[in-house]
PDB file of N, CA and C in Angstrom:
ATOM      1  N   MET A   1      10.166  58.665 -84.075  1.00  0.00           N
ATOM      2  CA  MET A   1       9.713  58.051 -83.516  1.00  0.00           C
ATOM      3  C   MET A   1       9.417  57.787 -82.365  1.00  0.00           C
ATOM      4  N   LYS A   2       8.577  57.306 -81.665  1.00  0.00           N
ATOM      5  CA  LYS A   2       8.159  57.288 -80.020  1.00  0.00           C
ATOM      6  C   LYS A   2       9.130  56.418 -79.345  1.00  0.00           C
ATOM      7  N   GLN A   3       9.942  56.369 -78.252  1.00  0.00           N
ATOM      8  CA  GLN A   3      10.442  55.491 -77.774  1.00  0.00           C
ATOM      9  C   GLN A   3       9.697  55.237 -76.326  1.00  0.00           C
ATOM     10  N   LEU A   4      10.038  53.967 -76.289  1.00  0.00           N
ATOM     11  CA  LEU A   4       8.971  53.593 -75.037  1.00  0.00           C
ATOM     12  C   LEU A   4       9.807  53.634 -73.736  1.00  0.00           C
ATOM     13  N   PRO A   5       9.383  53.716 -72.664  1.00  0.00           N
ATOM     14  CA  PRO A   5      10.179  53.729 -71.404  1.00  0.00           C
ATOM     15  C   PRO A   5      10.742  53.238 -71.208  1.00  0.00           C
ATOM     16  N   PRO A   6      12.190  52.749 -70.087  1.00  0.00           N
ATOM     17  CA  PRO A   6      12.630  51.620 -69.710  1.00  0.00           C
ATOM     18  C   PRO A   6      11.727  50.929 -68.671  1.00  0.00           C
ATOM     19  N   PRO A   7      12.126  49.242 -69.015  1.00  0.00           N
ATOM     20  CA  PRO A   7      10.832  48.364 -68.094  1.00  0.00           C
ATOM     21  C   PRO A   7      11.594  48.902 -66.515  1.00  0.00           C
ATOM     22  N   ILE A   8      10.377  48.609 -65.584  1.00  0.00           N
ATOM     23  CA  ILE A   8      10.485  48.736 -64.306  1.00  0.00           C
ATOM     24  C   ILE A   8      10.839  47.369 -63.423  1.00  0.00           C
ATOM     25  N   LYS A   9      12.430  47.120 -62.954  1.00  0.00           N
ATOM     26  CA  LYS A   9      13.270  46.306 -62.868  1.00  0.00           C
ATOM     27  C   LYS A   9      12.238  46.731 -60.973  1.00  0.00           C
ATOM     28  N   PRO A  10      11.563  45.215 -60.442  1.00  0.00           N
ATOM     29  CA  PRO A  10      11.557  45.030 -59.415  1.00  0.00           C
ATOM     30  C   PRO A  10      12.641  45.258 -58.241  1.00  0.00           C
ATOM     31  N   SER A  11      11.966  46.181 -57.017  1.00  0.00           N
ATOM     32  CA  SER A  11      13.303  46.231 -56.337  1.00  0.00           C
ATOM     33  C   SER A  11      13.924  44.631 -55.452  1.00  0.00           C
ATOM     34  N   LEU A  12      14.989  45.103 -54.880  1.00  0.00           N
ATOM     35  CA  LEU A  12      15.759  43.840 -54.396  1.00  0.00           C
ATOM     36  C   LEU A  12      15.100  43.106 -53.075  1.00  0.00           C
ATOM     37  N   ALA A  13      14.377  44.034 -52.593  1.00  0.00           N
ATOM     38  CA  ALA A  13      13.026  43.687 -51.638  1.00  0.00           C
ATOM     39  C   ALA A  13      12.662  42.723 -51.628  1.00  0.00           C
ATOM     40  N   LEU A  14      11.815  43.207 -52.967  1.00  0.00           N
ATOM     41  CA  LEU A  14      10.561  42.566 -53.367  1.00  0.00           C
ATOM     42  C   LEU A  14      11.014  41.048 -54.281  1.00  0.00           C
ATOM     43  N   GLU A  15      11.988  41.199 -54.793  1.00  0.00           N
ATOM     44  CA  GLU A  15      12.806  39.891 -54.934  1.00  0.00           C
ATOM     45  C   GLU A  15      13.513  39.437 -54.318  1.00  0.00           C
ATOM     46  N   LEU A  16      13.662  38.898 -53.599  1.00  0.00           N
ATOM     47  CA  LEU A  16      14.397  38.500 -52.068  1.00  0.00           C
ATOM     48  C   LEU A  16      12.985  37.304 -51.650  1.00  0.00           C
ATOM     49  N   ALA A  17      11.885  38.813 -51.239  1.00  0.00           N
ATOM     50  CA  ALA A  17      10.562  38.278 -51.008  1.00  0.00           C
ATOM     51  C   ALA A  17      10.111  36.973 -51.685  1.00  0.00           C
ATOM     52  N   GLY A  18       9.888  37.329 -52.943  1.00  0.00           N
ATOM     53  CA  GLY A  18       9.257  36.387 -54.162  1.00  0.00           C
ATOM     54  C   GLY A  18      10.180  34.926 -53.873  1.00  0.00           C
ATOM     55  N   VAL A  19      11.429  35.129 -53.602  1.00  0.00           N
ATOM     56  CA  VAL A  19      12.343  34.079 -53.811  1.00  0.00           C
ATOM     57  C   VAL A  19      12.033  33.321 -52.057  1.00  0.00           C
ATOM     58  N   ILE A  20      12.045  33.861 -51.234  1.00  0.00           N
ATOM     59  CA  ILE A  20      11.656  33.267 -49.724  1.00  0.00           C
ATOM     60  C   ILE A  20      10.150  32.473 -49.988  1.00  0.00           C
ATOM     61  N   VAL A  21       9.382  32.880 -50.989  1.00  0.00           N
ATOM     62  CA  VAL A  21       7.818  32.265 -51.175  1.00  0.00           C
ATOM     63  C   VAL A  21       7.838  31.451 -51.433  1.00  0.00           C
ATOM     64  N   LEU A  22       8.736  31.047 -52.457  1.00  0.00           N
ATOM     65  CA  LEU A  22       8.842  30.143 -53.647  1.00  0.00           C
ATOM     66  C   LEU A  22       9.381  29.003 -53.014  1.00  0.00           C
ATOM     67  N   LYS A  23      10.440  29.283 -52.085  1.00  0.00           N
ATOM     68  CA  LYS A  23      10.791  28.426 -50.983  1.00  0.00           C
ATOM     69  C   LYS A  23      10.055  27.667 -50.200  1.00  0.00           C
ATOM     70  N   LEU A  24       9.255  28.543 -49.537  1.00  0.00           N
ATOM     71  CA  LEU A  24       8.604  28.337 -48.595  1.00  0.00           C
ATOM     72  C   LEU A  24       7.365  27.286 -49.052  1.00  0.00           C
ATOM     73  N   ALA A  25       6.926  27.422 -50.091  1.00  0.00           N
ATOM     74  CA  ALA A  25       6.020  26.822 -51.092  1.00  0.00           C
ATOM     75  C   ALA A  25       6.389  25.441 -51.513  1.00  0.00           C
ATOM     76  N   LEU A  26       7.598  25.461 -52.027  1.00  0.00           N
ATOM     77  CA  LEU A  26       8.227  23.934 -52.401  1.00  0.00           C
ATOM     78  C   LEU A  26       8.429  23.272 -51.485  1.00  0.00           C
ATOM     79  N   LEU A  27       8.883  23.708 -49.769  1.00  0.00           N
ATOM     80  CA  LEU A  27       9.236  23.031 -48.719  1.00  0.00           C
ATOM     81  C   LEU A  27       7.622  22.436 -48.222  1.00  0.00           C
ATOM     82  N   THR A  28       7.056  22.884 -48.483  1.00  0.00           N
ATOM     83  CA  THR A  28       5.338  22.739 -48.041  1.00  0.00           C
ATOM     84  C   THR A  28       5.059  21.484 -48.837  1.00  0.00           C
ATOM     85  N   VAL A  29       5.003  21.685 -50.598  1.00  0.00           N
ATOM     86  CA  VAL A  29       5.006  20.448 -51.335  1.00  0.00           C
ATOM     87  C   VAL A  29       6.034  19.082 -50.972  1.00  0.00           C
ATOM     88  N   ILE A  30       7.195  19.208 -50.440  1.00  0.00           N
ATOM     89  CA  ILE A  30       7.946  18.368 -50.766  1.00  0.00           C
ATOM     90  C   ILE A  30       7.567  17.377 -49.120  1.00  0.00           C
ATOM     91  N   TRP A  31       6.904  18.406 -47.621  1.00  0.00           N
ATOM     92  CA  TRP A  31       6.936  18.016 -46.650  1.00  0.00           C
ATOM     93  C   TRP A  31       5.536  17.076 -46.864  1.00  0.00           C
ATOM     94  N   PHE A  32       4.698  17.847 -47.796  1.00  0.00           N
ATOM     95  CA  PHE A  32       3.263  16.772 -47.863  1.00  0.00           C
ATOM     96  C   PHE A  32       3.362  15.446 -48.421  1.00  0.00           C
ATOM     97  N   ALA A  33       4.505  16.110 -49.616  1.00  0.00           N
ATOM     98  CA  ALA A  33       4.399  14.687 -50.536  1.00  0.00           C
ATOM     99  C   ALA A  33       5.407  13.559 -49.661  1.00  0.00           C
ATOM    100  N   PHE A  34       6.358  13.378 -48.883  1.00  0.00           N
ATOM    101  CA  PHE A  34       7.307  12.912 -48.426  1.00  0.00           C
ATOM    102  C   PHE A  34       6.736  12.354 -46.914  1.00  0.00           C
ATOM    103  N   PHE A  35       6.425  13.518 -45.959  1.00  0.00           N
ATOM    104  CA  PHE A  35       6.492  13.470 -44.557  1.00  0.00           C
ATOM    105  C   PHE A  35       5.358  13.509 -43.644  1.00  0.00           C
ATOM    106  N   ALA A  36       3.773  14.203 -44.726  1.00  0.00           N
ATOM    107  CA  ALA A  36       3.252  13.470 -43.747  1.00  0.00           C
ATOM    108  C   ALA A  36       1.951  12.665 -43.290  1.00  0.00           C
ATOM    109  N   ASP A  37       2.705  11.909 -44.111  1.00  0.00           N
ATOM    110  CA  ASP A  37       1.827  10.801 -43.391  1.00  0.00           C
ATOM    111  C   ASP A  37       2.631   9.850 -42.721  1.00  0.00           C
ATOM    112  N   GLN A  38       3.829   9.927 -42.567  1.00  0.00           N
ATOM    113  CA  GLN A  38       4.433   9.626 -41.598  1.00  0.00           C
ATOM    114  C   GLN A  38       3.725   8.861 -40.031  1.00  0.00           C
ATOM    115  N   PRO A  39       4.351   7.897 -39.814  1.00  0.00           N
ATOM    116  CA  PRO A  39       3.326   7.104 -38.226  1.00  0.00           C
ATOM    117  C   PRO A  39       3.920   7.937 -37.187  1.00  0.00           C
ATOM    118  N   HIS A  40       3.107   8.358 -35.980  1.00  0.00           N
ATOM    119  CA  HIS A  40       4.218   9.459 -35.075  1.00  0.00           C
ATOM    120  C   HIS A  40       4.351   8.007 -33.759  1.00  0.00           C
ATOM    121  N   PRO A  41       5.098   8.627 -33.044  1.00  0.00           N
ATOM    122  CA  PRO A  41       5.424   7.767 -31.840  1.00  0.00           C
ATOM    123  C   PRO A  41       4.450   8.114 -31.030  1.00  0.00           C
ATOM    124  N   PRO A  42       3.848   7.267 -29.775  1.00  0.00           N
ATOM    125  CA  PRO A  42       3.273   7.404 -29.131  1.00  0.00           C
ATOM    126  C   PRO A  42       3.212   8.627 -27.821  1.00  0.00           C
ATOM    127  N   ALA A  43       2.969   9.628 -27.517  1.00  0.00           N
ATOM    128  CA  ALA A  43       3.429  10.817 -26.516  1.00  0.00           C
ATOM    129  C   ALA A  43       2.563  10.290 -25.096  1.00  0.00           C
ATOM    130  N   GLU A  44       1.317   9.524 -25.094  1.00  0.00           N
ATOM    131  CA  GLU A  44       0.938   9.433 -23.833  1.00  0.00           C
ATOM    132  C   GLU A  44       2.263   8.727 -22.519  1.00  0.00           C
ATOM    133  N   ILE A  45       2.199   9.406 -21.498  1.00  0.00           N
ATOM    134  CA  ILE A  45       3.592   9.459 -20.240  1.00  0.00           C
ATOM    135  C   ILE A  45       3.283   7.962 -19.913  1.00  0.00           C
ATOM    136  N   ASP A  46       2.514   7.120 -19.816  1.00  0.00           N
ATOM    137  CA  ASP A  46       2.133   5.638 -19.888  1.00  0.00           C
ATOM    138  C   ASP A  46       3.201   4.928 -20.912  1.00  0.00           C
ATOM    139  N   ALA A  47       2.807   5.151 -22.014  1.00  0.00           N
ATOM    140  CA  ALA A  47       3.772   4.641 -23.553  1.00  0.00           C
ATOM    141  C   ALA A  47       4.685   5.078 -23.044  1.00  0.00           C
ATOM    142  N   VAL A  48       5.615   6.129 -22.668  1.00  0.00           N
ATOM    143  CA  VAL A  48       6.835   7.010 -23.142  1.00  0.00           C
ATOM    144  C   VAL A  48       7.382   5.620 -21.848  1.00  0.00           C
ATOM    145  N   ALA A  49       7.216   5.989 -20.959  1.00  0.00           N
ATOM    146  CA  ALA A  49       7.471   5.612 -19.554  1.00  0.00           C
ATOM    147  C   ALA A  49       8.023   3.610 -19.716  1.00  0.00           C
ATOM    148  N   HIS A  50       6.648   2.968 -20.170  1.00  0.00           N
ATOM    149  CA  HIS A  50       7.384   1.660 -20.801  1.00  0.00           C
ATOM    150  C   HIS A  50       7.969   1.101 -21.605  1.00  0.00           C
ATOM    151  N   GLY A  51       8.419   2.307 -22.695  1.00  0.00           N
ATOM    152  CA  GLY A  51       9.541   2.300 -23.562  1.00  0.00           C
ATOM    153  C   GLY A  51      10.559   2.461 -23.262  1.00  0.00           C
ATOM    154  N   LEU A  52      10.967   3.483 -22.204  1.00  0.00           N
ATOM    155  CA  LEU A  52      11.692   4.218 -21.645  1.00  0.00           C
ATOM    156  C   LEU A  52      12.698   2.960 -20.610  1.00  0.00           C
ATOM    157  N   LEU A  53      11.274   1.951 -19.628  1.00  0.00           N
ATOM    158  CA  LEU A  53      11.653   1.247 -18.798  1.00  0.00           C
ATOM    159  C   LEU A  53      12.076  -0.277 -19.867  1.00  0.00           C
ATOM    160  N   ASP A  54      11.717  -0.327 -20.646  1.00  0.00           N
ATOM    161  CA  ASP A  54      11.770  -1.541 -21.379  1.00  0.00           C
ATOM    162  C   ASP A  54      13.284  -1.473 -22.136  1.00  0.00           C
ATOM    163  N   ARG A  55      13.867  -0.054 -22.424  1.00  0.00           N
ATOM    164  CA  ARG A  55      15.231   0.078 -22.972  1.00  0.00           C
ATOM    165  C   ARG A  55      16.492  -0.075 -22.030  1.00  0.00           C
ATOM    166  N   VAL A  56      15.580   0.733 -20.845  1.00  0.00           N
ATOM    167  CA  VAL A  56      16.796   0.483 -19.886  1.00  0.00           C
ATOM    168  C   VAL A  56      17.178  -1.281 -18.933  1.00  0.00           C
ATOM    169  N   SER A  57      15.964  -1.773 -18.967  1.00  0.00           N
ATOM    170  CA  SER A  57      16.254  -3.255 -18.397  1.00  0.00           C
ATOM    171  C   SER A  57      16.446  -4.060 -19.483  1.00  0.00           C
ATOM    172  N   ALA A  58      16.986  -4.247 -20.797  1.00  0.00           N
ATOM    173  CA  ALA A  58      17.686  -4.700 -21.812  1.00  0.00           C
ATOM    174  C   ALA A  58      19.020  -4.117 -21.821  1.00  0.00           C
ATOM    175  N   SER A  59      19.251  -2.914 -21.543  1.00  0.00           N
ATOM    176  CA  SER A  59      20.789  -2.535 -21.413  1.00  0.00           C
ATOM    177  C   SER A  59      21.430  -2.522 -20.559  1.00  0.00           C
ATOM    178  N   THR A  60      20.490  -3.379 -19.518  1.00  0.00           N
ATOM    179  CA  THR A  60      21.789  -2.991 -17.827  1.00  0.00           C
ATOM    180  C   THR A  60      22.171  -4.413 -17.553  1.00  0.00           C
ATOM    181  N   PRO A  61      22.928  -4.921 -17.220  1.00  0.00           N
ATOM    182  CA  PRO A  61      23.498  -6.335 -16.678  1.00  0.00           C
ATOM    183  C   PRO A  61      22.463  -6.478 -15.098  1.00  0.00           C
ATOM    184  N   PRO A  62      21.933  -7.861 -15.045  1.00  0.00           N
ATOM    185  CA  PRO A  62      22.045  -7.702 -13.961  1.00  0.00           C
ATOM    186  C   PRO A  62      22.811  -7.607 -12.675  1.00  0.00           C
ATOM    187  N   GLN A  63      22.054  -6.975 -11.842  1.00  0.00           N
ATOM    188  CA  GLN A  63      22.570  -6.440 -10.060  1.00  0.00           C
ATOM    189  C   GLN A  63      22.476  -7.400  -9.602  1.00  0.00           C
ATOM    190  N   PRO A  64      23.703  -7.379  -8.950  1.00  0.00           N
ATOM    191  CA  PRO A  64      24.215  -8.748  -7.493  1.00  0.00           C
ATOM    192  C   PRO A  64      23.264  -7.910  -6.501  1.00  0.00           C
ATOM    193  N   PRO A  65      22.527  -8.687  -5.502  1.00  0.00           N
ATOM    194  CA  PRO A  65      21.385  -8.555  -4.550  1.00  0.00           C
ATOM    195  C   PRO A  65      21.879  -7.653  -3.268  1.00  0.00           C
ATOM    196  N   HIS A  66      21.294  -6.510  -3.160  1.00  0.00           N
ATOM    197  CA  HIS A  66      21.967  -5.902  -2.220  1.00  0.00           C
ATOM    198  C   HIS A  66      21.790  -5.948  -0.694  1.00  0.00           C
ATOM    199  N   PRO A  67      22.897  -6.173  -0.013  1.00  0.00           N
ATOM    200  CA  PRO A  67      23.133  -6.593   1.519  1.00  0.00           C
ATOM    201  C   PRO A  67      22.045  -6.196   2.386  1.00  0.00           C
ATOM    202  N   GLN A  68      21.220  -6.877   2.861  1.00  0.00           N
ATOM    203  CA  GLN A  68      20.046  -6.219   4.222  1.00  0.00           C
ATOM    204  C   GLN A  68      20.521  -5.574   5.161  1.00  0.00           C
ATOM    205  N   GLU A  69      19.504  -4.405   5.087  1.00  0.00           N
ATOM    206  CA  GLU A  69      20.327  -3.268   6.450  1.00  0.00           C
ATOM    207  C   GLU A  69      20.497  -3.910   7.655  1.00  0.00           C
ATOM    208  N   GLY A  70      19.726  -5.107   8.001  1.00  0.00           N
ATOM    209  CA  GLY A  70      20.585  -5.617   9.634  1.00  0.00           C
ATOM    210  C   GLY A  70      21.858  -6.449   9.775  1.00  0.00           C
ATOM    211  N   ALA A  71      22.188  -6.906   8.594  1.00  0.00           N
ATOM    212  CA  ALA A  71      23.516  -7.563   7.973  1.00  0.00           C
ATOM    213  C   ALA A  71      24.824  -6.915   7.550  1.00  0.00           C
ATOM    214  N   SER A  72      24.643  -5.705   8.130  1.00  0.00           N
ATOM    215  CA  SER A  72      25.852  -4.682   8.402  1.00  0.00           C
ATOM    216  C   SER A  72      27.128  -5.275   8.965  1.00  0.00           C
ATOM    217  N   SER A  73      28.361  -5.226   8.328  1.00  0.00           N
ATOM    218  CA  SER A  73      29.674  -5.857   8.701  1.00  0.00           C
ATOM    219  C   SER A  73      30.079  -4.856   9.730  1.00  0.00           C
ATOM    220  N   HIS A  74      29.752  -3.567   9.812  1.00  0.00           N
ATOM    221  CA  HIS A  74      30.115  -2.274  10.318  1.00  0.00           C
ATOM    222  C   HIS A  74      29.936  -2.427  11.490  1.00  0.00           C
ATOM    223  N   ALA A  75      30.622  -1.841  12.550  1.00  0.00           N
ATOM    224  CA  ALA A  75      30.282  -1.588  13.871  1.00  0.00           C
ATOM    225  C   ALA A  75      29.719  -0.082  14.135  1.00  0.00           C
ATOM    226  N   HIS A  76      28.316  -0.273  15.186  1.00  0.00           N
ATOM    227  CA  HIS A  76      27.855   1.042  15.609  1.00  0.00           C
ATOM    228  C   HIS A  76      28.577   1.412  16.635  1.00  0.00           C
ATOM    229  N   ARG A  77      29.075   2.737  16.701  1.00  0.00           N
ATOM    230  CA  ARG A  77      29.552   3.451  17.224  1.00  0.00           C
ATOM    231  C   ARG A  77      28.735   3.916  18.780  1.00  0.00           C
TER     232      ARG A  77
END
């Protein structure tokens, strides 16, 4: 009876490459399924500046008025 040759095993590098490709494919599917249609915040300069100024003005307490330049109590030398 004729013997069959042993099956060829893929090399470790080929197996790792296959696992990496499979993971990337699954991550791509997950991204498209759950994250692709999420709304993006505005990235224009004016919109960002307006949003930051709103946050700063809402989080800081009101400041007392600054003394005027001419009404200083320090004597000039």
